[in-house]
Every structure is written in C-alpha cells, then in structure tokens.
Amino acid sequence: MSVKVLLDTYGHHHPDYMREAATAITSKDRKQNVSVVETVVDLEKHLARKP
C-alpha cells in the first residue's frame, strides 16, 4: 500500500482532520458553524501538497 492510497482511503480519520469537528460538537458556543465544504477543501489542499 502506498502512502497516497493510505491517505486517500483513511486520511480523513486522522485526528488533525477530526479536531475541528470534535471542537464544534463539544463547544458550548452554539453560534459557531462548521462548514463541511471548507473542511473538504482544506483536506484537498493538504493532499495536493504531498508528493
């Protein structure tokens, strides 16, 4: 298994990607909205930087 396949398949389970969602879920401040689109875009940018 290559690193690319690993990241493409399981990378979204990494704690770094889940931290924002966990913070939003457990936050007392319900005014904070989490944009799934922004999260996916950030992930795609992160993957694009990997060789």
PDB file of N, CA and C in Angstrom:
ATOM      1  N   MET A   1       0.856  -1.173   0.000  1.00  0.00           N
ATOM      2  CA  MET A   1       0.000   0.000   0.000  1.00  0.00           C
ATOM      3  C   MET A   1       0.899   1.233   0.000  1.00  0.00           C
ATOM      4  N   SER A   2       0.605   2.127  -0.891  1.00  0.00           N
ATOM      5  CA  SER A   2       1.390   3.362  -0.957  1.00  0.00           C
ATOM      6  C   SER A   2       0.855   4.370   0.054  1.00  0.00           C
ATOM      7  N   VAL A   3       1.656   5.394   0.327  1.00  0.00           N
ATOM      8  CA  VAL A   3       1.241   6.453   1.240  1.00  0.00           C
ATOM      9  C   VAL A   3       0.027   7.183   0.662  1.00  0.00           C
ATOM     10  N   LYS A   4       0.013   7.395  -0.645  1.00  0.00           N
ATOM     11  CA  LYS A   4      -1.110   8.080  -1.286  1.00  0.00           C
ATOM     12  C   LYS A   4      -2.407   7.304  -1.076  1.00  0.00           C
ATOM     13  N   VAL A   5      -2.368   5.997  -1.287  1.00  0.00           N
ATOM     14  CA  VAL A   5      -3.566   5.177  -1.100  1.00  0.00           C
ATOM     15  C   VAL A   5      -4.005   5.227   0.365  1.00  0.00           C
ATOM     16  N   LEU A   6      -3.058   5.152   1.275  1.00  0.00           N
ATOM     17  CA  LEU A   6      -3.367   5.222   2.699  1.00  0.00           C
ATOM     18  C   LEU A   6      -4.073   6.530   3.048  1.00  0.00           C
ATOM     19  N   LEU A   7      -3.506   7.659   2.594  1.00  0.00           N
ATOM     20  CA  LEU A   7      -4.107   8.965   2.886  1.00  0.00           C
ATOM     21  C   LEU A   7      -5.456   9.133   2.194  1.00  0.00           C
ATOM     22  N   ASP A   8      -5.541   8.701   0.948  1.00  0.00           N
ATOM     23  CA  ASP A   8      -6.799   8.838   0.210  1.00  0.00           C
ATOM     24  C   ASP A   8      -7.916   8.011   0.844  1.00  0.00           C
ATOM     25  N   THR A   9      -7.557   6.857   1.387  1.00  0.00           N
ATOM     26  CA  THR A   9      -8.560   5.953   1.937  1.00  0.00           C
ATOM     27  C   THR A   9      -8.881   6.238   3.394  1.00  0.00           C
ATOM     28  N   TYR A  10      -7.848   6.473   4.203  1.00  0.00           N
ATOM     29  CA  TYR A  10      -8.049   6.579   5.644  1.00  0.00           C
ATOM     30  C   TYR A  10      -7.643   7.923   6.240  1.00  0.00           C
ATOM     31  N   GLY A  11      -7.124   8.825   5.444  1.00  0.00           N
ATOM     32  CA  GLY A  11      -6.615  10.094   5.952  1.00  0.00           C
ATOM     33  C   GLY A  11      -7.636  10.944   6.677  1.00  0.00           C
ATOM     34  N   HIS A  12      -8.896  10.813   6.273  1.00  0.00           N
ATOM     35  CA  HIS A  12      -9.937  11.629   6.913  1.00  0.00           C
ATOM     36  C   HIS A  12     -10.228  11.181   8.342  1.00  0.00           C
ATOM     37  N   HIS A  13      -9.676  10.068   8.774  1.00  0.00           N
ATOM     38  CA  HIS A  13      -9.855   9.609  10.155  1.00  0.00           C
ATOM     39  C   HIS A  13      -8.766  10.142  11.081  1.00  0.00           C
ATOM     40  N   HIS A  14      -7.761  10.776  10.514  1.00  0.00           N
ATOM     41  CA  HIS A  14      -6.646  11.291  11.319  1.00  0.00           C
ATOM     42  C   HIS A  14      -7.167  12.359  12.286  1.00  0.00           C
ATOM     43  N   PRO A  15      -6.660  12.372  13.506  1.00  0.00           N
ATOM     44  CA  PRO A  15      -7.135  13.347  14.498  1.00  0.00           C
ATOM     45  C   PRO A  15      -7.044  14.803  14.048  1.00  0.00           C
ATOM     46  N   ASP A  16      -6.051  15.138  13.232  1.00  0.00           N
ATOM     47  CA  ASP A  16      -5.935  16.512  12.754  1.00  0.00           C
ATOM     48  C   ASP A  16      -7.162  16.925  11.945  1.00  0.00           C
ATOM     49  N   TYR A  17      -7.736  16.001  11.198  1.00  0.00           N
ATOM     50  CA  TYR A  17      -8.901  16.312  10.386  1.00  0.00           C
ATOM     51  C   TYR A  17     -10.177  16.289  11.208  1.00  0.00           C
ATOM     52  N   MET A  18     -10.162  15.540  12.294  1.00  0.00           N
ATOM     53  CA  MET A  18     -11.349  15.409  13.121  1.00  0.00           C
ATOM     54  C   MET A  18     -11.422  16.465  14.233  1.00  0.00           C
ATOM     55  N   ARG A  19     -10.318  17.151  14.485  1.00  0.00           N
ATOM     56  CA  ARG A  19     -10.254  18.091  15.608  1.00  0.00           C
ATOM     57  C   ARG A  19     -11.293  19.200  15.490  1.00  0.00           C
ATOM     58  N   GLU A  20     -11.423  19.795  14.322  1.00  0.00           N
ATOM     59  CA  GLU A  20     -12.379  20.888  14.143  1.00  0.00           C
ATOM     60  C   GLU A  20     -13.809  20.404  14.381  1.00  0.00           C
ATOM     61  N   ALA A  21     -14.130  19.227  13.888  1.00  0.00           N
ATOM     62  CA  ALA A  21     -15.468  18.679  14.093  1.00  0.00           C
ATOM     63  C   ALA A  21     -15.705  18.391  15.573  1.00  0.00           C
ATOM     64  N   ALA A  22     -14.730  17.806  16.227  1.00  0.00           N
ATOM     65  CA  ALA A  22     -14.869  17.494  17.655  1.00  0.00           C
ATOM     66  C   ALA A  22     -15.028  18.769  18.474  1.00  0.00           C
ATOM     67  N   THR A  23     -14.291  19.791  18.138  1.00  0.00           N
ATOM     68  CA  THR A  23     -14.396  21.064  18.847  1.00  0.00           C
ATOM     69  C   THR A  23     -15.791  21.665  18.647  1.00  0.00           C
ATOM     70  N   ALA A  24     -16.293  21.594  17.439  1.00  0.00           N
ATOM     71  CA  ALA A  24     -17.618  22.145  17.153  1.00  0.00           C
ATOM     72  C   ALA A  24     -18.707  21.380  17.895  1.00  0.00           C
ATOM     73  N   ILE A  25     -18.561  20.082  17.978  1.00  0.00           N
ATOM     74  CA  ILE A  25     -19.570  19.260  18.637  1.00  0.00           C
ATOM     75  C   ILE A  25     -19.576  19.499  20.144  1.00  0.00           C
ATOM     76  N   THR A  26     -18.388  19.624  20.720  1.00  0.00           N
ATOM     77  CA  THR A  26     -18.293  19.746  22.175  1.00  0.00           C
ATOM     78  C   THR A  26     -18.294  21.192  22.656  1.00  0.00           C
ATOM     79  N   SER A  27     -18.264  22.135  21.741  1.00  0.00           N
ATOM     80  CA  SER A  27     -18.213  23.549  22.096  1.00  0.00           C
ATOM     81  C   SER A  27     -19.507  24.004  22.755  1.00  0.00           C
ATOM     82  N   LYS A  28     -19.368  24.827  23.760  1.00  0.00           N
ATOM     83  CA  LYS A  28     -20.533  25.416  24.431  1.00  0.00           C
ATOM     84  C   LYS A  28     -21.122  26.537  23.577  1.00  0.00           C
ATOM     85  N   ASP A  29     -20.305  27.092  22.686  1.00  0.00           N
ATOM     86  CA  ASP A  29     -20.725  28.182  21.819  1.00  0.00           C
ATOM     87  C   ASP A  29     -21.438  27.617  20.590  1.00  0.00           C
ATOM     88  N   ARG A  30     -22.742  27.605  20.607  1.00  0.00           N
ATOM     89  CA  ARG A  30     -23.526  27.040  19.505  1.00  0.00           C
ATOM     90  C   ARG A  30     -23.598  27.975  18.302  1.00  0.00           C
ATOM     91  N   LYS A  31     -23.065  29.184  18.424  1.00  0.00           N
ATOM     92  CA  LYS A  31     -23.076  30.132  17.310  1.00  0.00           C
ATOM     93  C   LYS A  31     -22.051  29.753  16.255  1.00  0.00           C
ATOM     94  N   GLN A  32     -21.074  28.937  16.634  1.00  0.00           N
ATOM     95  CA  GLN A  32     -20.010  28.549  15.715  1.00  0.00           C
ATOM     96  C   GLN A  32     -20.560  27.516  14.727  1.00  0.00           C
ATOM     97  N   ASN A  33     -20.420  27.808  13.460  1.00  0.00           N
ATOM     98  CA  ASN A  33     -20.826  26.874  12.416  1.00  0.00           C
ATOM     99  C   ASN A  33     -19.583  26.286  11.773  1.00  0.00           C
ATOM    100  N   VAL A  34     -19.654  25.029  11.432  1.00  0.00           N
ATOM    101  CA  VAL A  34     -18.547  24.356  10.758  1.00  0.00           C
ATOM    102  C   VAL A  34     -18.986  24.073   9.339  1.00  0.00           C
ATOM    103  N   SER A  35     -18.204  24.546   8.411  1.00  0.00           N
ATOM    104  CA  SER A  35     -18.517  24.323   7.010  1.00  0.00           C
ATOM    105  C   SER A  35     -17.830  23.057   6.529  1.00  0.00           C
ATOM    106  N   VAL A  36     -18.614  22.098   6.118  1.00  0.00           N
ATOM    107  CA  VAL A  36     -18.058  20.854   5.600  1.00  0.00           C
ATOM    108  C   VAL A  36     -17.280  21.126   4.320  1.00  0.00           C
ATOM    109  N   VAL A  37     -17.766  22.042   3.516  1.00  0.00           N
ATOM    110  CA  VAL A  37     -17.093  22.371   2.264  1.00  0.00           C
ATOM    111  C   VAL A  37     -15.688  22.888   2.537  1.00  0.00           C
ATOM    112  N   GLU A  38     -15.550  23.779   3.514  1.00  0.00           N
ATOM    113  CA  GLU A  38     -14.230  24.304   3.840  1.00  0.00           C
ATOM    114  C   GLU A  38     -13.315  23.198   4.340  1.00  0.00           C
ATOM    115  N   THR A  39     -13.837  22.265   5.122  1.00  0.00           N
ATOM    116  CA  THR A  39     -13.048  21.157   5.632  1.00  0.00           C
ATOM    117  C   THR A  39     -12.546  20.286   4.486  1.00  0.00           C
ATOM    118  N   VAL A  40     -13.410  19.984   3.527  1.00  0.00           N
ATOM    119  CA  VAL A  40     -13.017  19.164   2.381  1.00  0.00           C
ATOM    120  C   VAL A  40     -11.981  19.897   1.542  1.00  0.00           C
ATOM    121  N   VAL A  41     -12.172  21.183   1.350  1.00  0.00           N
ATOM    122  CA  VAL A  41     -11.205  21.967   0.577  1.00  0.00           C
ATOM    123  C   VAL A  41      -9.850  21.961   1.267  1.00  0.00           C
ATOM    124  N   ASP A  42      -9.839  22.131   2.595  1.00  0.00           N
ATOM    125  CA  ASP A  42      -8.580  22.088   3.340  1.00  0.00           C
ATOM    126  C   ASP A  42      -7.899  20.734   3.185  1.00  0.00           C
ATOM    127  N   LEU A  43      -8.666  19.655   3.245  1.00  0.00           N
ATOM    128  CA  LEU A  43      -8.111  18.317   3.077  1.00  0.00           C
ATOM    129  C   LEU A  43      -7.529  18.153   1.682  1.00  0.00           C
ATOM    130  N   GLU A  44      -8.237  18.619   0.681  1.00  0.00           N
ATOM    131  CA  GLU A  44      -7.748  18.510  -0.687  1.00  0.00           C
ATOM    132  C   GLU A  44      -6.461  19.317  -0.881  1.00  0.00           C
ATOM    133  N   LYS A  45      -6.391  20.495  -0.276  1.00  0.00           N
ATOM    134  CA  LYS A  45      -5.172  21.298  -0.358  1.00  0.00           C
ATOM    135  C   LYS A  45      -4.018  20.576   0.317  1.00  0.00           C
ATOM    136  N   HIS A  46      -4.288  19.974   1.476  1.00  0.00           N
ATOM    137  CA  HIS A  46      -3.259  19.245   2.211  1.00  0.00           C
ATOM    138  C   HIS A  46      -2.752  18.065   1.374  1.00  0.00           C
ATOM    139  N   LEU A  47      -3.655  17.333   0.772  1.00  0.00           N
ATOM    140  CA  LEU A  47      -3.262  16.180  -0.059  1.00  0.00           C
ATOM    141  C   LEU A  47      -2.515  16.623  -1.299  1.00  0.00           C
ATOM    142  N   ALA A  48      -2.863  17.782  -1.848  1.00  0.00           N
ATOM    143  CA  ALA A  48      -2.195  18.272  -3.059  1.00  0.00           C
ATOM    144  C   ALA A  48      -0.748  18.638  -2.772  1.00  0.00           C
ATOM    145  N   ARG A  49      -0.437  19.013  -1.534  1.00  0.00           N
ATOM    146  CA  ARG A  49       0.939  19.378  -1.176  1.00  0.00           C
ATOM    147  C   ARG A  49       1.828  18.153  -1.004  1.00  0.00           C
ATOM    148  N   LYS A  50       1.240  17.006  -0.754  1.00  0.00           N
ATOM    149  CA  LYS A  50       2.022  15.779  -0.556  1.00  0.00           C
ATOM    150  C   LYS A  50       2.561  15.305  -1.895  1.00  0.00           C
ATOM    151  N   PRO A  51       3.805  14.834  -1.899  1.00  0.00           N
ATOM    152  CA  PRO A  51       4.369  14.318  -3.171  1.00  0.00           C
ATOM    153  C   PRO A  51       3.744  13.019  -3.619  1.00  0.00           C
TER     154      PRO A  51
END
